[in-house]
Amino acid sequence: MNRTERLYAIAEELRSAGPAGRTSTWLAQRLEVSVRTVKRDVDALLQAGVPIWAQAGRGGGYVLGAAGTLPPLNVTAAEAAAIAVALAALPAIPFAADARSALSKVLAAMPDAERERAEVVAGRLWLRTPEQPARPAVARVLDEAVRQQRVVVLRYTNSAGAHTARAVEPVALAATRGHWFLLAWCRLRRAPRWFRTDRISAAHLTGEDAPAHDASTLFGTPPPDAHPVRLR
C-alpha cells in the first residue's frame, strides 16, 4: 500500500468508525505501519483540509468531523444483488479487484436487515458464468496504466513470433473477437496499435504521464461487439 492509498484508508476507517473514532495504535495495526507513520499521515490529512479531531483520553484517538462524513448510502437488496451478479458474470473484467472492494463497501454501509435480504435475493439467482476472454498475468499492470494514464513498457510478441520491447501510451482496454486488447499509441511504430494482451509477456508501469489521447480519434468506431462502458 503506497502513501496515497494509506491516507485514503485512514479517512475511510475514521468515517466508518463515526464518533467512536480510532486510536493511532489501532490504525497502525490495521495498516501494518508504525504509530509514528499514522501520526504523520494524519498531519498530512489535516494539512489537506480533512476535518480530523484528536479525541481526549487514553489511546489518543482520532475522530472525523461531521464535515467529512457522507450521507447514508441507501442501496436496496435487489441493487446490491445486481452488483454481485454482474461481478459473478464477468469475473475477468478490468478493475475486478476494485469492483469487489466497492461491493464490500456497499454491503458494509447497508443496514443488517437489508444486507440479509440482499443475500437471500442473490442466492435465488443461479447463473451459468459465460466464457470470458482470459486475461494475462500482466492484466493488473495494464489496468493501472489505463487508470493512471501512465506510459507502460511492454514485452510483446507479434503474430509472426517476433519479440519486441516497446513503450506505449495507453488509451483503452477492449474485449473483442475472443481476446482482450490494449489500445495504445506505440512509440516504436509511431502509430496507434491494438496489442493482444495474451501476447504481452511482461509489462512495466513507468512514472511518466502519458499524453491524453481520444480513443475515437485514434481508433475510429468501436467494433460491433465492444462498446464503451457508460456510467449513466
C-alpha atoms as a PDB file:
ATOM      1  CA  MET A   1       0.000   0.000   0.000  1.00  0.00           C
ATOM      2  CA  ASN A   2       1.508   3.344  -1.038  1.00  0.00           C
ATOM      3  CA  ARG A   3       1.056   6.548   0.937  1.00  0.00           C
ATOM      4  CA  THR A   4      -1.835   7.872  -1.140  1.00  0.00           C
ATOM      5  CA  GLU A   5      -3.754   4.632  -0.615  1.00  0.00           C
ATOM      6  CA  ARG A   6      -2.902   4.725   3.102  1.00  0.00           C
ATOM      7  CA  LEU A   7      -4.204   8.286   3.505  1.00  0.00           C
ATOM      8  CA  TYR A   8      -7.447   7.282   1.833  1.00  0.00           C
ATOM      9  CA  ALA A   9      -7.671   4.170   4.025  1.00  0.00           C
ATOM     10  CA  ILE A  10      -7.240   6.232   7.213  1.00  0.00           C
ATOM     11  CA  ALA A  11     -10.001   8.629   6.168  1.00  0.00           C
ATOM     12  CA  GLU A  12     -12.301   5.705   5.336  1.00  0.00           C
ATOM     13  CA  GLU A  13     -11.579   3.948   8.651  1.00  0.00           C
ATOM     14  CA  LEU A  14     -12.370   7.124  10.581  1.00  0.00           C
ATOM     15  CA  ARG A  15     -15.513   7.670   8.540  1.00  0.00           C
ATOM     16  CA  SER A  16     -16.756   4.146   9.270  1.00  0.00           C
ATOM     17  CA  ALA A  17     -15.871   4.460  12.978  1.00  0.00           C
ATOM     18  CA  GLY A  18     -18.058   7.549  13.404  1.00  0.00           C
ATOM     19  CA  PRO A  19     -18.000   9.354  16.771  1.00  0.00           C
ATOM     20  CA  ALA A  20     -16.159   6.448  18.418  1.00  0.00           C
ATOM     21  CA  GLY A  21     -13.047   7.226  16.411  1.00  0.00           C
ATOM     22  CA  ARG A  22      -9.920   5.111  16.119  1.00  0.00           C
ATOM     23  CA  THR A  23      -6.722   5.165  18.118  1.00  0.00           C
ATOM     24  CA  SER A  24      -3.375   5.635  16.436  1.00  0.00           C
ATOM     25  CA  THR A  25      -2.379   2.179  17.687  1.00  0.00           C
ATOM     26  CA  TRP A  26      -5.476   0.587  16.139  1.00  0.00           C
ATOM     27  CA  LEU A  27      -4.832   2.322  12.815  1.00  0.00           C
ATOM     28  CA  ALA A  28      -1.165   1.319  12.870  1.00  0.00           C
ATOM     29  CA  GLN A  29      -2.050  -2.341  13.402  1.00  0.00           C
ATOM     30  CA  ARG A  30      -4.776  -2.194  10.755  1.00  0.00           C
ATOM     31  CA  LEU A  31      -2.476  -0.665   8.127  1.00  0.00           C
ATOM     32  CA  GLU A  32       0.643  -2.558   9.246  1.00  0.00           C
ATOM     33  CA  VAL A  33       2.717   0.576   9.810  1.00  0.00           C
ATOM     34  CA  SER A  34       4.184   2.329  12.850  1.00  0.00           C
ATOM     35  CA  VAL A  35       2.230   4.690  15.113  1.00  0.00           C
ATOM     36  CA  ARG A  36       4.616   7.457  14.066  1.00  0.00           C
ATOM     37  CA  THR A  37       3.678   6.853  10.416  1.00  0.00           C
ATOM     38  CA  VAL A  38      -0.025   7.100  11.294  1.00  0.00           C
ATOM     39  CA  LYS A  39       0.536  10.417  13.082  1.00  0.00           C
ATOM     40  CA  ARG A  40       2.450  11.791  10.088  1.00  0.00           C
ATOM     41  CA  ASP A  41      -0.349  10.669   7.781  1.00  0.00           C
ATOM     42  CA  VAL A  42      -2.991  12.298   9.978  1.00  0.00           C
ATOM     43  CA  ASP A  43      -0.973  15.530   9.900  1.00  0.00           C
ATOM     44  CA  ALA A  44      -0.925  15.304   6.093  1.00  0.00           C
ATOM     45  CA  LEU A  45      -4.699  14.844   6.020  1.00  0.00           C
ATOM     46  CA  LEU A  46      -5.145  17.843   8.305  1.00  0.00           C
ATOM     47  CA  GLN A  47      -2.984  19.969   6.012  1.00  0.00           C
ATOM     48  CA  ALA A  48      -5.155  18.839   3.087  1.00  0.00           C
ATOM     49  CA  GLY A  49      -8.233  20.137   4.902  1.00  0.00           C
ATOM     50  CA  VAL A  50      -9.701  16.851   6.171  1.00  0.00           C
ATOM     51  CA  PRO A  51     -11.552  17.659   9.459  1.00  0.00           C
ATOM     52  CA  ILE A  52      -9.934  15.240  11.904  1.00  0.00           C
ATOM     53  CA  TRP A  53     -10.098  15.899  15.637  1.00  0.00           C
ATOM     54  CA  ALA A  54      -7.953  14.468  18.404  1.00  0.00           C
ATOM     55  CA  GLN A  55     -10.115  12.640  20.930  1.00  0.00           C
ATOM     56  CA  ALA A  56      -9.248  13.136  24.571  1.00  0.00           C
ATOM     57  CA  GLY A  57      -8.486  10.151  26.743  1.00  0.00           C
ATOM     58  CA  ARG A  58      -6.112   7.221  26.880  1.00  0.00           C
ATOM     59  CA  GLY A  59      -5.018   5.975  23.467  1.00  0.00           C
ATOM     60  CA  GLY A  60      -5.024   9.266  21.613  1.00  0.00           C
ATOM     61  CA  GLY A  61      -7.914   8.550  19.286  1.00  0.00           C
ATOM     62  CA  TYR A  62      -8.912  10.431  16.129  1.00  0.00           C
ATOM     63  CA  VAL A  63     -12.426  11.340  15.010  1.00  0.00           C
ATOM     64  CA  LEU A  64     -13.516  12.521  11.588  1.00  0.00           C
ATOM     65  CA  GLY A  65     -15.545  15.720  11.856  1.00  0.00           C
ATOM     66  CA  ALA A  66     -19.118  15.952  10.609  1.00  0.00           C
ATOM     67  CA  ALA A  67     -17.979  17.914   7.541  1.00  0.00           C
ATOM     68  CA  GLY A  68     -16.017  14.886   6.420  1.00  0.00           C
ATOM     69  CA  THR A  69     -18.861  12.407   6.665  1.00  0.00           C
ATOM     70  CA  LEU A  70     -21.185  11.358   3.874  1.00  0.00           C
ATOM     71  CA  PRO A  71     -24.968  10.961   3.999  1.00  0.00           C
ATOM     72  CA  PRO A  72     -26.213   7.383   4.458  1.00  0.00           C
ATOM     73  CA  LEU A  73     -25.936   5.203   1.385  1.00  0.00           C
ATOM     74  CA  ASN A  74     -29.382   3.875   0.507  1.00  0.00           C
ATOM     75  CA  VAL A  75     -28.949   0.703  -1.531  1.00  0.00           C
ATOM     76  CA  THR A  76     -31.751  -1.830  -1.841  1.00  0.00           C
ATOM     77  CA  ALA A  77     -31.321  -5.576  -1.563  1.00  0.00           C
ATOM     78  CA  ALA A  78     -32.027  -6.001  -5.283  1.00  0.00           C
ATOM     79  CA  GLU A  79     -29.457  -3.330  -6.202  1.00  0.00           C
ATOM     80  CA  ALA A  80     -26.732  -4.985  -4.127  1.00  0.00           C
ATOM     81  CA  ALA A  81     -27.620  -8.396  -5.560  1.00  0.00           C
ATOM     82  CA  ALA A  82     -27.437  -6.955  -9.085  1.00  0.00           C
ATOM     83  CA  ILE A  83     -23.888  -5.724  -8.457  1.00  0.00           C
ATOM     84  CA  ALA A  84     -22.895  -9.160  -7.142  1.00  0.00           C
ATOM     85  CA  VAL A  85     -24.432 -10.861 -10.188  1.00  0.00           C
ATOM     86  CA  ALA A  86     -22.562  -8.554 -12.557  1.00  0.00           C
ATOM     87  CA  LEU A  87     -19.266  -9.414 -10.857  1.00  0.00           C
ATOM     88  CA  ALA A  88     -20.044 -13.124 -10.923  1.00  0.00           C
ATOM     89  CA  ALA A  89     -20.937 -12.983 -14.616  1.00  0.00           C
ATOM     90  CA  LEU A  90     -17.820 -11.007 -15.542  1.00  0.00           C
ATOM     91  CA  PRO A  91     -15.037 -12.197 -13.208  1.00  0.00           C
ATOM     92  CA  ALA A  92     -12.228 -11.170 -15.575  1.00  0.00           C
ATOM     93  CA  ILE A  93     -13.237  -7.554 -16.141  1.00  0.00           C
ATOM     94  CA  PRO A  94     -10.664  -4.766 -15.756  1.00  0.00           C
ATOM     95  CA  PHE A  95     -10.540  -3.375 -12.205  1.00  0.00           C
ATOM     96  CA  ALA A  96     -12.222  -6.552 -10.903  1.00  0.00           C
ATOM     97  CA  ALA A  97     -10.463  -6.251  -7.542  1.00  0.00           C
ATOM     98  CA  ASP A  98     -11.656  -2.646  -7.228  1.00  0.00           C
ATOM     99  CA  ALA A  99     -15.191  -3.729  -8.117  1.00  0.00           C
ATOM    100  CA  ARG A 100     -15.175  -6.377  -5.386  1.00  0.00           C
ATOM    101  CA  SER A 101     -13.852  -3.787  -2.930  1.00  0.00           C
ATOM    102  CA  ALA A 102     -16.667  -1.418  -3.923  1.00  0.00           C
ATOM    103  CA  LEU A 103     -19.247  -4.146  -3.345  1.00  0.00           C
ATOM    104  CA  SER A 104     -17.764  -4.811   0.108  1.00  0.00           C
ATOM    105  CA  LYS A 105     -18.120  -1.111   0.976  1.00  0.00           C
ATOM    106  CA  VAL A 106     -21.714  -1.075  -0.262  1.00  0.00           C
ATOM    107  CA  LEU A 107     -22.565  -4.128   1.857  1.00  0.00           C
ATOM    108  CA  ALA A 108     -20.841  -2.653   4.912  1.00  0.00           C
ATOM    109  CA  ALA A 109     -22.911   0.539   4.577  1.00  0.00           C
ATOM    110  CA  MET A 110     -26.234  -1.309   4.372  1.00  0.00           C
ATOM    111  CA  PRO A 111     -28.436  -1.978   7.422  1.00  0.00           C
ATOM    112  CA  ASP A 112     -28.127  -5.558   8.658  1.00  0.00           C
ATOM    113  CA  ALA A 113     -31.683  -6.481   7.681  1.00  0.00           C
ATOM    114  CA  GLU A 114     -31.332  -5.135   4.139  1.00  0.00           C
ATOM    115  CA  ARG A 115     -27.965  -6.853   3.716  1.00  0.00           C
ATOM    116  CA  GLU A 116     -29.550 -10.153   4.767  1.00  0.00           C
ATOM    117  CA  ARG A 117     -32.319  -9.617   2.206  1.00  0.00           C
ATOM    118  CA  ALA A 118     -29.650  -8.960  -0.439  1.00  0.00           C
ATOM    119  CA  GLU A 119     -28.021 -12.293   0.392  1.00  0.00           C
ATOM    120  CA  VAL A 120     -31.375 -14.054   0.062  1.00  0.00           C
ATOM    121  CA  VAL A 121     -32.063 -12.398  -3.316  1.00  0.00           C
ATOM    122  CA  ALA A 122     -28.566 -13.224  -4.601  1.00  0.00           C
ATOM    123  CA  GLY A 123     -28.981 -16.843  -3.503  1.00  0.00           C
ATOM    124  CA  ARG A 124     -32.042 -17.133  -5.728  1.00  0.00           C
ATOM    125  CA  LEU A 125     -30.099 -16.119  -8.809  1.00  0.00           C
ATOM    126  CA  TRP A 126     -28.383 -19.086 -10.418  1.00  0.00           C
ATOM    127  CA  LEU A 127     -26.370 -18.280 -13.484  1.00  0.00           C
ATOM    128  CA  ARG A 128     -24.079 -20.008 -15.885  1.00  0.00           C
ATOM    129  CA  THR A 129     -20.958 -17.909 -15.974  1.00  0.00           C
ATOM    130  CA  PRO A 130     -20.310 -17.083 -19.630  1.00  0.00           C
ATOM    131  CA  GLU A 131     -16.925 -17.836 -21.087  1.00  0.00           C
ATOM    132  CA  GLN A 132     -14.737 -14.773 -20.915  1.00  0.00           C
ATOM    133  CA  PRO A 133     -11.578 -13.945 -22.850  1.00  0.00           C
ATOM    134  CA  ALA A 134      -8.744 -14.913 -20.493  1.00  0.00           C
ATOM    135  CA  ARG A 135      -6.716 -12.062 -19.034  1.00  0.00           C
ATOM    136  CA  PRO A 136      -2.942 -12.479 -18.657  1.00  0.00           C
ATOM    137  CA  ALA A 137      -0.847 -12.155 -15.529  1.00  0.00           C
ATOM    138  CA  VAL A 138       0.077  -8.589 -16.529  1.00  0.00           C
ATOM    139  CA  ALA A 139      -3.600  -7.538 -16.549  1.00  0.00           C
ATOM    140  CA  ARG A 140      -3.378  -5.627 -13.276  1.00  0.00           C
ATOM    141  CA  VAL A 141      -0.439  -3.558 -14.574  1.00  0.00           C
ATOM    142  CA  LEU A 142      -2.373  -2.745 -17.741  1.00  0.00           C
ATOM    143  CA  ASP A 143      -5.411  -1.745 -15.668  1.00  0.00           C
ATOM    144  CA  GLU A 144      -3.254   0.667 -13.687  1.00  0.00           C
ATOM    145  CA  ALA A 145      -1.645   2.051 -16.857  1.00  0.00           C
ATOM    146  CA  VAL A 146      -5.077   2.924 -18.225  1.00  0.00           C
ATOM    147  CA  ARG A 147      -6.387   4.222 -14.886  1.00  0.00           C
ATOM    148  CA  GLN A 148      -3.375   6.411 -14.122  1.00  0.00           C
ATOM    149  CA  GLN A 149      -2.671   7.287 -17.765  1.00  0.00           C
ATOM    150  CA  ARG A 150       0.989   6.290 -17.408  1.00  0.00           C
ATOM    151  CA  VAL A 151       3.409   5.150 -20.070  1.00  0.00           C
ATOM    152  CA  VAL A 152       3.931   1.385 -19.873  1.00  0.00           C
ATOM    153  CA  VAL A 153       6.782  -0.663 -21.340  1.00  0.00           C
ATOM    154  CA  LEU A 154       5.655  -3.929 -22.904  1.00  0.00           C
ATOM    155  CA  ARG A 155       7.453  -7.112 -23.843  1.00  0.00           C
ATOM    156  CA  TYR A 156       5.372  -8.093 -26.859  1.00  0.00           C
ATOM    157  CA  THR A 157       5.263 -10.978 -29.316  1.00  0.00           C
ATOM    158  CA  ASN A 158       3.510 -10.261 -32.603  1.00  0.00           C
ATOM    159  CA  SER A 159       1.619 -12.715 -34.812  1.00  0.00           C
ATOM    160  CA  ALA A 160       4.845 -13.623 -36.652  1.00  0.00           C
ATOM    161  CA  GLY A 161       6.567 -14.568 -33.376  1.00  0.00           C
ATOM    162  CA  ALA A 162       8.906 -11.561 -33.269  1.00  0.00           C
ATOM    163  CA  HIS A 163       9.695 -10.242 -29.786  1.00  0.00           C
ATOM    164  CA  THR A 164       9.970  -6.507 -29.129  1.00  0.00           C
ATOM    165  CA  ALA A 165      10.183  -4.183 -26.145  1.00  0.00           C
ATOM    166  CA  ARG A 166       8.202  -1.043 -26.691  1.00  0.00           C
ATOM    167  CA  ALA A 167       6.940   1.925 -24.696  1.00  0.00           C
ATOM    168  CA  VAL A 168       3.288   2.697 -25.302  1.00  0.00           C
ATOM    169  CA  GLU A 169       0.799   5.367 -24.254  1.00  0.00           C
ATOM    170  CA  PRO A 170      -2.363   3.547 -23.062  1.00  0.00           C
ATOM    171  CA  VAL A 171      -5.735   4.632 -24.384  1.00  0.00           C
ATOM    172  CA  ALA A 172      -8.274   1.880 -23.652  1.00  0.00           C
ATOM    173  CA  LEU A 173      -8.921  -1.818 -22.967  1.00  0.00           C
ATOM    174  CA  ALA A 174     -11.269  -3.810 -25.188  1.00  0.00           C
ATOM    175  CA  ALA A 175     -12.686  -7.334 -25.213  1.00  0.00           C
ATOM    176  CA  THR A 176     -13.480  -8.319 -28.790  1.00  0.00           C
ATOM    177  CA  ARG A 177     -13.046 -11.245 -31.179  1.00  0.00           C
ATOM    178  CA  GLY A 178     -12.423 -13.590 -28.241  1.00  0.00           C
ATOM    179  CA  HIS A 179      -9.429 -11.672 -26.841  1.00  0.00           C
ATOM    180  CA  TRP A 180      -8.551  -8.756 -24.608  1.00  0.00           C
ATOM    181  CA  PHE A 181      -6.654  -5.907 -26.251  1.00  0.00           C
ATOM    182  CA  LEU A 182      -4.730  -2.899 -25.016  1.00  0.00           C
ATOM    183  CA  LEU A 183      -5.329   0.029 -27.341  1.00  0.00           C
ATOM    184  CA  ALA A 184      -2.334   2.340 -27.204  1.00  0.00           C
ATOM    185  CA  TRP A 185      -0.111   4.743 -29.101  1.00  0.00           C
ATOM    186  CA  CYS A 186       3.065   2.806 -29.860  1.00  0.00           C
ATOM    187  CA  ARG A 187       6.199   4.927 -29.662  1.00  0.00           C
ATOM    188  CA  LEU A 188       8.199   2.307 -31.540  1.00  0.00           C
ATOM    189  CA  ARG A 189       5.867   2.320 -34.562  1.00  0.00           C
ATOM    190  CA  ARG A 190       4.691   5.922 -34.022  1.00  0.00           C
ATOM    191  CA  ALA A 191       1.138   4.833 -34.640  1.00  0.00           C
ATOM    192  CA  PRO A 192      -1.923   3.541 -32.779  1.00  0.00           C
ATOM    193  CA  ARG A 193      -1.883  -0.215 -32.199  1.00  0.00           C
ATOM    194  CA  TRP A 194      -4.127  -2.966 -30.823  1.00  0.00           C
ATOM    195  CA  PHE A 195      -1.996  -5.187 -28.565  1.00  0.00           C
ATOM    196  CA  ARG A 196      -3.417  -8.617 -27.781  1.00  0.00           C
ATOM    197  CA  THR A 197      -2.863  -8.917 -24.046  1.00  0.00           C
ATOM    198  CA  ASP A 198      -2.159 -12.661 -24.172  1.00  0.00           C
ATOM    199  CA  ARG A 199       0.896 -11.789 -26.282  1.00  0.00           C
ATOM    200  CA  ILE A 200       2.247  -9.404 -23.621  1.00  0.00           C
ATOM    201  CA  SER A 201       4.722 -11.418 -21.565  1.00  0.00           C
ATOM    202  CA  ALA A 202       5.776  -8.528 -19.319  1.00  0.00           C
ATOM    203  CA  ALA A 203       4.581  -5.004 -18.548  1.00  0.00           C
ATOM    204  CA  HIS A 204       6.391  -2.317 -16.558  1.00  0.00           C
ATOM    205  CA  LEU A 205       4.469   0.728 -15.376  1.00  0.00           C
ATOM    206  CA  THR A 206       6.671   3.829 -15.560  1.00  0.00           C
ATOM    207  CA  GLY A 207       6.314   7.096 -13.677  1.00  0.00           C
ATOM    208  CA  GLU A 208       5.834   9.081 -16.894  1.00  0.00           C
ATOM    209  CA  ASP A 209       2.428  10.607 -17.547  1.00  0.00           C
ATOM    210  CA  ALA A 210       1.048   9.653 -20.946  1.00  0.00           C
ATOM    211  CA  PRO A 211      -0.455  12.273 -23.253  1.00  0.00           C
ATOM    212  CA  ALA A 212      -4.228  12.331 -23.327  1.00  0.00           C
ATOM    213  CA  HIS A 213      -5.472  10.544 -26.445  1.00  0.00           C
ATOM    214  CA  ASP A 214      -9.050  10.392 -27.681  1.00  0.00           C
ATOM    215  CA  ALA A 215      -9.903   6.770 -28.447  1.00  0.00           C
ATOM    216  CA  SER A 216     -12.346   7.565 -31.251  1.00  0.00           C
ATOM    217  CA  THR A 217      -9.846   9.874 -32.951  1.00  0.00           C
ATOM    218  CA  LEU A 218      -7.043   7.287 -32.909  1.00  0.00           C
ATOM    219  CA  PHE A 219      -9.027   4.094 -33.410  1.00  0.00           C
ATOM    220  CA  GLY A 220     -12.283   5.172 -35.021  1.00  0.00           C
ATOM    221  CA  THR A 221     -15.617   3.468 -34.363  1.00  0.00           C
ATOM    222  CA  PRO A 222     -15.517   0.630 -31.795  1.00  0.00           C
ATOM    223  CA  PRO A 223     -16.124  -2.890 -33.150  1.00  0.00           C
ATOM    224  CA  PRO A 224     -19.769  -4.012 -33.088  1.00  0.00           C
ATOM    225  CA  ASP A 225     -19.168  -6.476 -30.241  1.00  0.00           C
ATOM    226  CA  ALA A 226     -17.359  -3.981 -27.971  1.00  0.00           C
ATOM    227  CA  HIS A 227     -18.663  -0.567 -26.981  1.00  0.00           C
ATOM    228  CA  PRO A 228     -17.606   1.984 -24.327  1.00  0.00           C
ATOM    229  CA  VAL A 229     -18.976   1.470 -20.834  1.00  0.00           C
ATOM    230  CA  ARG A 230     -21.337   4.202 -19.669  1.00  0.00           C
ATOM    231  CA  LEU A 231     -21.977   5.071 -16.028  1.00  0.00           C
ATOM    232  CA  ARG A 232     -25.377   6.609 -16.814  1.00  0.00           C
END
